[in-house]
Amino acid sequence: MQDWAPVFISLVLFILLSPGLIFQMPAKSRLFALGNFQTSVASIIVHTILFFALDAIFLIAIGVQIQLGS
């Protein structure tokens, strides 16, 4: 059996934290913007830090595991 948690959690976080897709923080003129499909260097850096922090929390600190197969 293989642990699919790293693959699944990283994929979901990557989709949710893509700058400008669902939300952008910081936005060009405000602190927070929803669905504007634009990005900036500051936004990329903030979303990258959030991605790695949440990924580490879910995979290392909490230890989420997803086992597939019998």
Protein backbone atom coordinates (compact mmCIF):
# COMPACT_ATOMS: atom_id res chain seq x y z
CA MET A 1 0.00 0.00 0.00
CA GLN A 2 1.16 3.49 -0.77
CA ASP A 3 0.51 6.73 1.04
CA TRP A 4 -1.24 9.12 -1.36
CA ALA A 5 -1.65 11.99 1.13
CA PRO A 6 1.38 14.01 -0.08
CA VAL A 7 0.20 13.87 -3.69
CA PHE A 8 -3.46 14.64 -2.97
CA ILE A 9 -2.89 17.38 -0.37
CA SER A 10 -0.22 19.11 -2.46
CA LEU A 11 -2.43 19.04 -5.56
CA VAL A 12 -5.43 20.49 -3.73
CA LEU A 13 -3.34 23.20 -2.05
CA PHE A 14 -1.68 24.08 -5.36
CA ILE A 15 -5.06 24.57 -7.03
CA LEU A 16 -6.56 26.53 -4.12
CA LEU A 17 -3.51 28.72 -3.55
CA SER A 18 -2.75 29.65 -7.17
CA PRO A 19 -2.51 33.45 -7.07
CA GLY A 20 -5.47 35.11 -8.75
CA LEU A 21 -7.48 31.94 -9.36
CA ILE A 22 -9.76 31.98 -6.31
CA PHE A 23 -8.21 34.78 -4.28
CA GLN A 24 -5.15 36.99 -4.36
CA MET A 25 -3.33 38.31 -1.36
CA PRO A 26 -1.97 41.03 -1.56
CA ALA A 27 -3.89 42.39 -4.54
CA LYS A 28 -2.64 45.22 -6.71
CA SER A 29 -4.77 47.90 -5.08
CA ARG A 30 -6.14 46.17 -1.96
CA LEU A 31 -5.02 43.64 0.61
CA PHE A 32 -7.37 40.90 -0.62
CA ALA A 33 -9.13 40.31 -3.97
CA LEU A 34 -11.38 37.49 -5.18
CA GLY A 35 -11.13 35.92 -8.66
CA ASN A 36 -9.38 38.73 -10.51
CA PHE A 37 -7.05 36.41 -12.55
CA GLN A 38 -4.13 38.82 -12.09
CA THR A 39 -0.95 38.34 -10.13
CA SER A 40 2.10 40.19 -8.87
CA VAL A 41 5.49 39.22 -7.49
CA ALA A 42 4.38 39.95 -3.92
CA SER A 43 1.31 37.77 -4.39
CA ILE A 44 3.40 34.89 -5.74
CA ILE A 45 5.72 35.08 -2.74
CA VAL A 46 2.84 35.19 -0.21
CA HIS A 47 1.03 32.28 -1.86
CA THR A 48 4.27 30.23 -2.04
CA ILE A 49 4.90 30.72 1.68
CA LEU A 50 1.28 29.79 2.47
CA PHE A 51 1.53 26.68 0.27
CA PHE A 52 4.69 25.34 1.92
CA ALA A 53 3.49 26.21 5.43
CA LEU A 54 0.12 24.46 4.98
CA ASP A 55 1.74 21.52 3.18
CA ALA A 56 4.21 21.05 6.04
CA ILE A 57 1.46 21.33 8.65
CA PHE A 58 -0.75 18.73 6.97
CA LEU A 59 2.00 16.27 6.05
CA ILE A 60 4.53 16.56 8.85
CA ALA A 61 2.86 18.05 11.92
CA ILE A 62 -0.55 16.38 11.63
CA GLY A 63 0.67 13.34 9.69
CA VAL A 64 -2.30 12.90 7.35
CA GLN A 65 -2.22 9.55 5.54
CA ILE A 66 -4.41 8.24 2.71
CA GLN A 67 -4.05 4.52 2.01
CA LEU A 68 -5.45 3.11 -1.24
CA GLY A 69 -5.71 -0.53 -2.12
CA SER A 70 -6.17 -3.63 -0.07
